[in-house]
Amino acid sequence: MSKVKIRPLNMRVVIKPDVAEETTASGLYIPDSAKEKPQTGTVVAISNITSLKEGEKVIYGKFTGTDVEIDGENYLILKESDIFAVIG
């Protein structure tokens, strides 16, 4: 995993959201307007005062955080309190 050039502050974390499904189980294409926003992702950067670790897979709220683009990649910055669980 590459190091993101960002350091979140005040108990915030930077998440790399999982990619939304492009097709259904039966093979039908899902247009962008109908795709569900992923609610899982991987922690790629943390503030100094968080209990999470980089590389952990997490579940977060559907309508939380701020979308940002860094070096051509999409990320989500959110408060640690908006993360519901660590997977695995």
Protein backbone atom coordinates (compact mmCIF):
# COMPACT_ATOMS: atom_id res chain seq x y z
CA MET A 1 0.00 0.00 0.00
CA SER A 2 1.41 3.40 -0.94
CA LYS A 3 1.78 6.15 1.63
CA VAL A 4 -0.80 8.93 1.23
CA LYS A 5 0.60 12.47 1.40
CA ILE A 6 -1.91 13.69 3.96
CA ARG A 7 -2.07 13.73 7.77
CA PRO A 8 -5.56 14.08 9.24
CA LEU A 9 -6.10 16.05 12.46
CA ASN A 10 -8.39 15.81 15.50
CA MET A 11 -9.30 12.11 15.60
CA ARG A 12 -9.91 11.88 11.85
CA VAL A 13 -8.83 9.16 9.46
CA VAL A 14 -8.34 8.89 5.70
CA ILE A 15 -10.10 5.92 4.10
CA LYS A 16 -9.62 4.42 0.64
CA PRO A 17 -13.21 3.35 -0.11
CA ASP A 18 -13.78 -0.04 -1.67
CA VAL A 19 -14.82 0.06 -5.33
CA ALA A 20 -18.54 -0.14 -6.09
CA GLU A 21 -19.71 -3.18 -8.05
CA GLU A 22 -19.76 -2.66 -11.84
CA THR A 23 -22.14 -5.55 -12.62
CA THR A 24 -24.84 -7.55 -10.87
CA ALA A 25 -24.43 -11.22 -9.96
CA SER A 26 -26.26 -12.09 -13.18
CA GLY A 27 -23.85 -9.97 -15.27
CA LEU A 28 -25.95 -6.85 -15.87
CA TYR A 29 -24.04 -3.54 -16.02
CA ILE A 30 -24.83 -1.06 -13.21
CA PRO A 31 -24.73 2.61 -14.36
CA ASP A 32 -22.97 5.16 -12.13
CA SER A 33 -26.30 6.78 -11.19
CA ALA A 34 -27.57 3.50 -9.70
CA LYS A 35 -24.43 2.37 -7.86
CA GLU A 36 -24.51 2.14 -4.08
CA LYS A 37 -21.80 4.14 -2.35
CA PRO A 38 -19.45 1.66 -0.64
CA GLN A 39 -19.54 1.60 3.16
CA THR A 40 -16.29 -0.29 3.62
CA GLY A 41 -12.74 0.76 3.01
CA THR A 42 -9.15 0.62 4.18
CA VAL A 43 -7.53 3.08 6.60
CA VAL A 44 -4.59 4.73 4.79
CA ALA A 45 -3.73 7.61 7.17
CA ILE A 46 -4.54 8.41 10.80
CA SER A 47 -4.25 11.33 13.20
CA ASN A 48 -1.97 11.11 16.23
CA ILE A 49 -4.88 10.47 18.59
CA THR A 50 -6.88 7.61 17.10
CA SER A 51 -7.24 3.98 18.13
CA LEU A 52 -7.23 2.77 14.51
CA LYS A 53 -4.21 1.54 12.57
CA GLU A 54 -3.24 2.02 8.94
CA GLY A 55 -4.22 -0.95 6.81
CA GLU A 56 -7.30 -1.90 8.85
CA LYS A 57 -10.50 -2.62 6.91
CA VAL A 58 -13.48 -0.71 8.37
CA ILE A 59 -17.22 -0.17 8.02
CA TYR A 60 -18.36 3.47 8.13
CA GLY A 61 -21.58 5.48 7.89
CA LYS A 62 -23.25 5.87 4.51
CA PHE A 63 -23.51 9.66 4.49
CA THR A 64 -20.38 10.63 6.43
CA GLY A 65 -17.04 12.19 5.67
CA THR A 66 -15.61 14.42 2.99
CA ASP A 67 -14.58 13.11 -0.44
CA VAL A 68 -11.15 14.29 -1.59
CA GLU A 69 -8.85 13.53 -4.51
CA ILE A 70 -5.13 13.20 -3.80
CA ASP A 71 -2.63 12.36 -6.55
CA GLY A 72 -5.49 11.22 -8.80
CA GLU A 73 -6.94 8.80 -6.20
CA ASN A 74 -10.27 9.21 -4.37
CA TYR A 75 -10.28 9.14 -0.58
CA LEU A 76 -12.68 9.86 2.24
CA ILE A 77 -11.76 11.87 5.36
CA LEU A 78 -13.98 11.15 8.32
CA LYS A 79 -14.13 11.34 12.10
CA GLU A 80 -13.15 8.21 13.98
CA SER A 81 -16.62 8.28 15.59
CA ASP A 82 -18.17 7.79 12.10
CA ILE A 83 -16.49 4.36 11.85
CA PHE A 84 -18.77 1.60 13.12
CA ALA A 85 -16.45 -1.42 13.14
CA VAL A 86 -13.12 -2.91 12.15
CA ILE A 87 -13.43 -5.98 9.89
CA GLY A 88 -11.26 -8.97 10.68
